[in-house]
Amino acid sequence: MRFTKKKDDTSTVRKVWNDDKTTCFGVVGTVGDLLSIGLFDYCTADKRLWAFVPRTDVQNAQFGDSREAACRSLEE
């Protein structure tokens, strides 16, 4: 799994790719950063919590206490 960001981006938001970077699975970042870029309109979760948002289904975001925990479904 590879994580990429925009140049000069200081947020935690990253695109999540497979190892050879041919398939983008979605986006991961802290809830606070995902709210600030507008990916989430509203979220009651702690702003420090990590969230993985699948590329094809924004409604099924997964949360975790770390980036790896939020992306756990990709490892299964």
PDB file of N, CA and C in Angstrom:
ATOM      1  N   MET A   1       0.844  -1.160   0.000  1.00  0.00           N
ATOM      2  CA  MET A   1       0.000   0.000   0.000  1.00  0.00           C
ATOM      3  C   MET A   1       0.900   1.238   0.000  1.00  0.00           C
ATOM      4  N   ARG A   2       0.541   2.227  -0.832  1.00  0.00           N
ATOM      5  CA  ARG A   2       1.292   3.464  -0.906  1.00  0.00           C
ATOM      6  C   ARG A   2       0.376   4.643  -0.599  1.00  0.00           C
ATOM      7  N   PHE A   3       0.938   5.657   0.037  1.00  0.00           N
ATOM      8  CA  PHE A   3       0.204   6.865   0.385  1.00  0.00           C
ATOM      9  C   PHE A   3       0.860   8.042  -0.319  1.00  0.00           C
ATOM     10  N   THR A   4       0.058   8.820  -1.047  1.00  0.00           N
ATOM     11  CA  THR A   4       0.611   9.975  -1.755  1.00  0.00           C
ATOM     12  C   THR A   4      -0.128  11.240  -1.350  1.00  0.00           C
ATOM     13  N   LYS A   5       0.559  12.370  -1.478  1.00  0.00           N
ATOM     14  CA  LYS A   5      -0.040  13.656  -1.141  1.00  0.00           C
ATOM     15  C   LYS A   5       0.301  14.661  -2.220  1.00  0.00           C
ATOM     16  N   LYS A   6      -0.409  15.778  -2.220  1.00  0.00           N
ATOM     17  CA  LYS A   6      -0.097  16.869  -3.126  1.00  0.00           C
ATOM     18  C   LYS A   6       1.186  17.550  -2.647  1.00  0.00           C
ATOM     19  N   LYS A   7       1.925  18.088  -3.569  1.00  0.00           N
ATOM     20  CA  LYS A   7       3.153  18.792  -3.243  1.00  0.00           C
ATOM     21  C   LYS A   7       2.844  19.962  -2.308  1.00  0.00           C
ATOM     22  N   ASP A   8       3.652  20.124  -1.291  1.00  0.00           N
ATOM     23  CA  ASP A   8       3.522  21.200  -0.290  1.00  0.00           C
ATOM     24  C   ASP A   8       2.270  21.094   0.578  1.00  0.00           C
ATOM     25  N   ASP A   9       1.607  19.949   0.592  1.00  0.00           N
ATOM     26  CA  ASP A   9       0.433  19.739   1.443  1.00  0.00           C
ATOM     27  C   ASP A   9       0.912  19.345   2.836  1.00  0.00           C
ATOM     28  N   THR A  10       0.518  20.113   3.843  1.00  0.00           N
ATOM     29  CA  THR A  10       0.944  19.824   5.218  1.00  0.00           C
ATOM     30  C   THR A  10      -0.115  19.083   6.017  1.00  0.00           C
ATOM     31  N   SER A  11      -1.255  18.786   5.397  1.00  0.00           N
ATOM     32  CA  SER A  11      -2.320  18.074   6.110  1.00  0.00           C
ATOM     33  C   SER A  11      -1.997  16.581   6.165  1.00  0.00           C
ATOM     34  N   THR A  12      -2.859  15.837   6.835  1.00  0.00           N
ATOM     35  CA  THR A  12      -2.690  14.386   6.939  1.00  0.00           C
ATOM     36  C   THR A  12      -3.356  13.644   5.785  1.00  0.00           C
ATOM     37  N   VAL A  13      -4.034  14.353   4.897  1.00  0.00           N
ATOM     38  CA  VAL A  13      -4.800  13.726   3.816  1.00  0.00           C
ATOM     39  C   VAL A  13      -3.857  13.113   2.784  1.00  0.00           C
ATOM     40  N   ARG A  14      -4.110  11.834   2.475  1.00  0.00           N
ATOM     41  CA  ARG A  14      -3.315  11.094   1.509  1.00  0.00           C
ATOM     42  C   ARG A  14      -4.226  10.231   0.640  1.00  0.00           C
ATOM     43  N   LYS A  15      -3.869  10.075  -0.632  1.00  0.00           N
ATOM     44  CA  LYS A  15      -4.536   9.088  -1.475  1.00  0.00           C
ATOM     45  C   LYS A  15      -3.909   7.736  -1.154  1.00  0.00           C
ATOM     46  N   VAL A  16      -4.722   6.693  -1.184  1.00  0.00           N
ATOM     47  CA  VAL A  16      -4.254   5.342  -0.869  1.00  0.00           C
ATOM     48  C   VAL A  16      -4.248   4.521  -2.157  1.00  0.00           C
ATOM     49  N   TRP A  17      -3.065   4.002  -2.522  1.00  0.00           N
ATOM     50  CA  TRP A  17      -2.862   3.249  -3.760  1.00  0.00           C
ATOM     51  C   TRP A  17      -2.386   1.837  -3.457  1.00  0.00           C
ATOM     52  N   ASN A  18      -2.514   0.947  -4.447  1.00  0.00           N
ATOM     53  CA  ASN A  18      -1.874  -0.363  -4.319  1.00  0.00           C
ATOM     54  C   ASN A  18      -0.371  -0.169  -4.505  1.00  0.00           C
ATOM     55  N   ASP A  19       0.419  -1.219  -4.297  1.00  0.00           N
ATOM     56  CA  ASP A  19       1.873  -1.094  -4.304  1.00  0.00           C
ATOM     57  C   ASP A  19       2.455  -0.608  -5.626  1.00  0.00           C
ATOM     58  N   ASP A  20       1.869  -0.988  -6.754  1.00  0.00           N
ATOM     59  CA  ASP A  20       2.420  -0.538  -8.036  1.00  0.00           C
ATOM     60  C   ASP A  20       1.720   0.721  -8.567  1.00  0.00           C
ATOM     61  N   LYS A  21       0.884   1.315  -7.738  1.00  0.00           N
ATOM     62  CA  LYS A  21       0.209   2.593  -8.004  1.00  0.00           C
ATOM     63  C   LYS A  21      -0.645   2.562  -9.277  1.00  0.00           C
ATOM     64  N   THR A  22      -1.350   1.451  -9.474  1.00  0.00           N
ATOM     65  CA  THR A  22      -2.256   1.343 -10.614  1.00  0.00           C
ATOM     66  C   THR A  22      -3.722   1.492 -10.201  1.00  0.00           C
ATOM     67  N   THR A  23      -4.009   1.302  -8.907  1.00  0.00           N
ATOM     68  CA  THR A  23      -5.379   1.391  -8.410  1.00  0.00           C
ATOM     69  C   THR A  23      -5.433   2.290  -7.187  1.00  0.00           C
ATOM     70  N   CYS A  24      -6.293   3.307  -7.250  1.00  0.00           N
ATOM     71  CA  CYS A  24      -6.499   4.183  -6.094  1.00  0.00           C
ATOM     72  C   CYS A  24      -7.690   3.637  -5.298  1.00  0.00           C
ATOM     73  N   PHE A  25      -7.454   3.344  -4.023  1.00  0.00           N
ATOM     74  CA  PHE A  25      -8.507   2.783  -3.178  1.00  0.00           C
ATOM     75  C   PHE A  25      -9.382   3.852  -2.539  1.00  0.00           C
ATOM     76  N   GLY A  26      -8.816   5.030  -2.291  1.00  0.00           N
ATOM     77  CA  GLY A  26      -9.564   6.086  -1.644  1.00  0.00           C
ATOM     78  C   GLY A  26      -8.637   7.096  -0.996  1.00  0.00           C
ATOM     79  N   VAL A  27      -9.133   7.740   0.053  1.00  0.00           N
ATOM     80  CA  VAL A  27      -8.403   8.796   0.740  1.00  0.00           C
ATOM     81  C   VAL A  27      -8.401   8.505   2.234  1.00  0.00           C
ATOM     82  N   VAL A  28      -7.284   8.828   2.898  1.00  0.00           N
ATOM     83  CA  VAL A  28      -7.181   8.673   4.345  1.00  0.00           C
ATOM     84  C   VAL A  28      -6.660   9.978   4.936  1.00  0.00           C
ATOM     85  N   GLY A  29      -7.093  10.276   6.147  1.00  0.00           N
ATOM     86  CA  GLY A  29      -6.630  11.467   6.863  1.00  0.00           C
ATOM     87  C   GLY A  29      -7.367  11.592   8.181  1.00  0.00           C
ATOM     88  N   THR A  30      -6.994  12.588   8.966  1.00  0.00           N
ATOM     89  CA  THR A  30      -7.721  12.803  10.213  1.00  0.00           C
ATOM     90  C   THR A  30      -9.078  13.422   9.893  1.00  0.00           C
ATOM     91  N   VAL A  31     -10.026  13.203  10.776  1.00  0.00           N
ATOM     92  CA  VAL A  31     -11.371  13.746  10.587  1.00  0.00           C
ATOM     93  C   VAL A  31     -11.306  15.262  10.429  1.00  0.00           C
ATOM     94  N   GLY A  32     -10.484  15.924  11.242  1.00  0.00           N
ATOM     95  CA  GLY A  32     -10.361  17.381  11.163  1.00  0.00           C
ATOM     96  C   GLY A  32      -9.895  17.847   9.793  1.00  0.00           C
ATOM     97  N   ASP A  33      -8.893  17.179   9.235  1.00  0.00           N
ATOM     98  CA  ASP A  33      -8.389  17.556   7.913  1.00  0.00           C
ATOM     99  C   ASP A  33      -9.395  17.236   6.808  1.00  0.00           C
ATOM    100  N   LEU A  34     -10.103  16.121   6.919  1.00  0.00           N
ATOM    101  CA  LEU A  34     -11.106  15.772   5.918  1.00  0.00           C
ATOM    102  C   LEU A  34     -12.282  16.751   5.960  1.00  0.00           C
ATOM    103  N   LEU A  35     -12.611  17.257   7.139  1.00  0.00           N
ATOM    104  CA  LEU A  35     -13.631  18.300   7.254  1.00  0.00           C
ATOM    105  C   LEU A  35     -13.137  19.594   6.621  1.00  0.00           C
ATOM    106  N   SER A  36     -11.874  19.943   6.851  1.00  0.00           N
ATOM    107  CA  SER A  36     -11.352  21.216   6.353  1.00  0.00           C
ATOM    108  C   SER A  36     -11.246  21.252   4.834  1.00  0.00           C
ATOM    109  N   ILE A  37     -11.025  20.104   4.173  1.00  0.00           N
ATOM    110  CA  ILE A  37     -10.969  20.106   2.708  1.00  0.00           C
ATOM    111  C   ILE A  37     -12.346  19.895   2.082  1.00  0.00           C
ATOM    112  N   GLY A  38     -13.362  19.627   2.901  1.00  0.00           N
ATOM    113  CA  GLY A  38     -14.719  19.493   2.400  1.00  0.00           C
ATOM    114  C   GLY A  38     -15.131  18.092   2.003  1.00  0.00           C
ATOM    115  N   LEU A  39     -14.296  17.097   2.293  1.00  0.00           N
ATOM    116  CA  LEU A  39     -14.678  15.721   1.978  1.00  0.00           C
ATOM    117  C   LEU A  39     -15.817  15.268   2.897  1.00  0.00           C
ATOM    118  N   PHE A  40     -15.753  15.669   4.151  1.00  0.00           N
ATOM    119  CA  PHE A  40     -16.858  15.452   5.083  1.00  0.00           C
ATOM    120  C   PHE A  40     -17.585  16.782   5.255  1.00  0.00           C
ATOM    121  N   ASP A  41     -18.911  16.750   5.206  1.00  0.00           N
ATOM    122  CA  ASP A  41     -19.699  17.945   5.493  1.00  0.00           C
ATOM    123  C   ASP A  41     -19.893  18.100   6.997  1.00  0.00           C
ATOM    124  N   TYR A  42     -20.030  16.946   7.666  1.00  0.00           N
ATOM    125  CA  TYR A  42     -20.340  16.948   9.095  1.00  0.00           C
ATOM    126  C   TYR A  42     -19.874  15.620   9.672  1.00  0.00           C
ATOM    127  N   CYS A  43     -19.272  15.652  10.844  1.00  0.00           N
ATOM    128  CA  CYS A  43     -18.863  14.429  11.510  1.00  0.00           C
ATOM    129  C   CYS A  43     -18.764  14.707  13.004  1.00  0.00           C
ATOM    130  N   THR A  44     -19.383  13.863  13.810  1.00  0.00           N
ATOM    131  CA  THR A  44     -19.370  14.057  15.258  1.00  0.00           C
ATOM    132  C   THR A  44     -18.186  13.374  15.922  1.00  0.00           C
ATOM    133  N   ALA A  45     -17.405  12.630  15.156  1.00  0.00           N
ATOM    134  CA  ALA A  45     -16.253  11.911  15.717  1.00  0.00           C
ATOM    135  C   ALA A  45     -15.165  12.909  16.127  1.00  0.00           C
ATOM    136  N   ASP A  46     -14.290  12.465  17.018  1.00  0.00           N
ATOM    137  CA  ASP A  46     -13.142  13.259  17.451  1.00  0.00           C
ATOM    138  C   ASP A  46     -12.329  13.678  16.226  1.00  0.00           C
ATOM    139  N   LYS A  47     -11.960  14.926  16.138  1.00  0.00           N
ATOM    140  CA  LYS A  47     -11.243  15.463  14.978  1.00  0.00           C
ATOM    141  C   LYS A  47      -9.844  14.859  14.812  1.00  0.00           C
ATOM    142  N   ARG A  48      -9.320  14.236  15.879  1.00  0.00           N
ATOM    143  CA  ARG A  48      -7.995  13.601  15.799  1.00  0.00           C
ATOM    144  C   ARG A  48      -8.064  12.159  15.310  1.00  0.00           C
ATOM    145  N   LEU A  49      -9.257  11.600  15.213  1.00  0.00           N
ATOM    146  CA  LEU A  49      -9.457  10.234  14.743  1.00  0.00           C
ATOM    147  C   LEU A  49      -9.137  10.154  13.251  1.00  0.00           C
ATOM    148  N   TRP A  50      -8.582   9.035  12.794  1.00  0.00           N
ATOM    149  CA  TRP A  50      -8.276   8.827  11.386  1.00  0.00           C
ATOM    150  C   TRP A  50      -9.472   8.205  10.683  1.00  0.00           C
ATOM    151  N   ALA A  51      -9.654   8.539   9.403  1.00  0.00           N
ATOM    152  CA  ALA A  51     -10.748   7.981   8.610  1.00  0.00           C
ATOM    153  C   ALA A  51     -10.239   7.609   7.219  1.00  0.00           C
ATOM    154  N   PHE A  52     -10.663   6.437   6.747  1.00  0.00           N
ATOM    155  CA  PHE A  52     -10.409   6.022   5.374  1.00  0.00           C
ATOM    156  C   PHE A  52     -11.732   6.129   4.630  1.00  0.00           C
ATOM    157  N   VAL A  53     -11.724   6.847   3.517  1.00  0.00           N
ATOM    158  CA  VAL A  53     -12.921   7.022   2.701  1.00  0.00           C
ATOM    159  C   VAL A  53     -12.705   6.299   1.375  1.00  0.00           C
ATOM    160  N   PRO A  54     -13.428   5.198   1.150  1.00  0.00           N
ATOM    161  CA  PRO A  54     -13.265   4.460  -0.117  1.00  0.00           C
ATOM    162  C   PRO A  54     -13.625   5.328  -1.320  1.00  0.00           C
ATOM    163  N   ARG A  55     -12.926   5.133  -2.389  1.00  0.00           N
ATOM    164  CA  ARG A  55     -13.120   5.920  -3.608  1.00  0.00           C
ATOM    165  C   ARG A  55     -14.533   5.766  -4.167  1.00  0.00           C
ATOM    166  N   THR A  56     -15.109   4.598  -4.020  1.00  0.00           N
ATOM    167  CA  THR A  56     -16.402   4.317  -4.639  1.00  0.00           C
ATOM    168  C   THR A  56     -17.594   4.472  -3.696  1.00  0.00           C
ATOM    169  N   ASP A  57     -17.352   4.678  -2.396  1.00  0.00           N
ATOM    170  CA  ASP A  57     -18.477   4.700  -1.453  1.00  0.00           C
ATOM    171  C   ASP A  57     -18.180   5.578  -0.236  1.00  0.00           C
ATOM    172  N   VAL A  58     -18.381   6.871  -0.374  1.00  0.00           N
ATOM    173  CA  VAL A  58     -18.083   7.826   0.698  1.00  0.00           C
ATOM    174  C   VAL A  58     -18.898   7.523   1.957  1.00  0.00           C
ATOM    175  N   GLN A  59     -20.065   6.931   1.812  1.00  0.00           N
ATOM    176  CA  GLN A  59     -20.931   6.642   2.955  1.00  0.00           C
ATOM    177  C   GLN A  59     -20.358   5.562   3.871  1.00  0.00           C
ATOM    178  N   ASN A  60     -19.393   4.785   3.407  1.00  0.00           N
ATOM    179  CA  ASN A  60     -18.833   3.695   4.201  1.00  0.00           C
ATOM    180  C   ASN A  60     -17.418   3.991   4.686  1.00  0.00           C
ATOM    181  N   ALA A  61     -17.212   5.178   5.193  1.00  0.00           N
ATOM    182  CA  ALA A  61     -15.904   5.538   5.750  1.00  0.00           C
ATOM    183  C   ALA A  61     -15.609   4.655   6.959  1.00  0.00           C
ATOM    184  N   GLN A  62     -14.335   4.322   7.129  1.00  0.00           N
ATOM    185  CA  GLN A  62     -13.903   3.507   8.260  1.00  0.00           C
ATOM    186  C   GLN A  62     -12.995   4.361   9.140  1.00  0.00           C
ATOM    187  N   PHE A  63     -13.152   4.219  10.442  1.00  0.00           N
ATOM    188  CA  PHE A  63     -12.408   5.033  11.391  1.00  0.00           C
ATOM    189  C   PHE A  63     -11.444   4.171  12.193  1.00  0.00           C
ATOM    190  N   GLY A  64     -10.365   4.784  12.648  1.00  0.00           N
ATOM    191  CA  GLY A  64      -9.390   4.094  13.476  1.00  0.00           C
ATOM    192  C   GLY A  64      -8.534   5.099  14.224  1.00  0.00           C
ATOM    193  N   ASP A  65      -7.751   4.604  15.186  1.00  0.00           N
ATOM    194  CA  ASP A  65      -6.911   5.503  15.975  1.00  0.00           C
ATOM    195  C   ASP A  65      -5.564   5.784  15.302  1.00  0.00           C
ATOM    196  N   SER A  66      -5.325   5.154  14.141  1.00  0.00           N
ATOM    197  CA  SER A  66      -4.113   5.420  13.359  1.00  0.00           C
ATOM    198  C   SER A  66      -4.462   5.277  11.878  1.00  0.00           C
ATOM    199  N   ARG A  67      -3.561   5.723  11.023  1.00  0.00           N
ATOM    200  CA  ARG A  67      -3.793   5.602   9.580  1.00  0.00           C
ATOM    201  C   ARG A  67      -3.938   4.139   9.191  1.00  0.00           C
ATOM    202  N   GLU A  68      -3.090   3.289   9.731  1.00  0.00           N
ATOM    203  CA  GLU A  68      -3.139   1.866   9.408  1.00  0.00           C
ATOM    204  C   GLU A  68      -4.428   1.212   9.897  1.00  0.00           C
ATOM    205  N   ALA A  69      -4.895   1.626  11.072  1.00  0.00           N
ATOM    206  CA  ALA A  69      -6.144   1.071  11.610  1.00  0.00           C
ATOM    207  C   ALA A  69      -7.334   1.486  10.753  1.00  0.00           C
ATOM    208  N   ALA A  70      -7.328   2.698  10.258  1.00  0.00           N
ATOM    209  CA  ALA A  70      -8.417   3.173   9.406  1.00  0.00           C
ATOM    210  C   ALA A  70      -8.440   2.417   8.069  1.00  0.00           C
ATOM    211  N   CYS A  71      -7.283   2.000   7.587  1.00  0.00           N
ATOM    212  CA  CYS A  71      -7.163   1.293   6.301  1.00  0.00           C
ATOM    213  C   CYS A  71      -7.189  -0.231   6.450  1.00  0.00           C
ATOM    214  N   ARG A  72      -7.591  -0.726   7.583  1.00  0.00           N
ATOM    215  CA  ARG A  72      -7.510  -2.160   7.877  1.00  0.00           C
ATOM    216  C   ARG A  72      -8.251  -3.033   6.872  1.00  0.00           C
ATOM    217  N   SER A  73      -9.326  -2.562   6.284  1.00  0.00           N
ATOM    218  CA  SER A  73     -10.085  -3.389   5.340  1.00  0.00           C
ATOM    219  C   SER A  73      -9.305  -3.669   4.060  1.00  0.00           C
ATOM    220  N   LEU A  74      -8.335  -2.847   3.729  1.00  0.00           N
ATOM    221  CA  LEU A  74      -7.528  -3.060   2.530  1.00  0.00           C
ATOM    222  C   LEU A  74      -6.539  -4.194   2.716  1.00  0.00           C
ATOM    223  N   GLU A  75      -6.202  -4.492   3.942  1.00  0.00           N
ATOM    224  CA  GLU A  75      -5.234  -5.539   4.235  1.00  0.00           C
ATOM    225  C   GLU A  75      -5.879  -6.908   4.341  1.00  0.00           C
ATOM    226  N   GLU A  76      -7.199  -6.960   4.412  1.00  0.00           N
ATOM    227  CA  GLU A  76      -7.917  -8.230   4.569  1.00  0.00           C
ATOM    228  C   GLU A  76      -8.106  -8.930   3.252  1.00  0.00           C
TER     229      GLU A  76
END
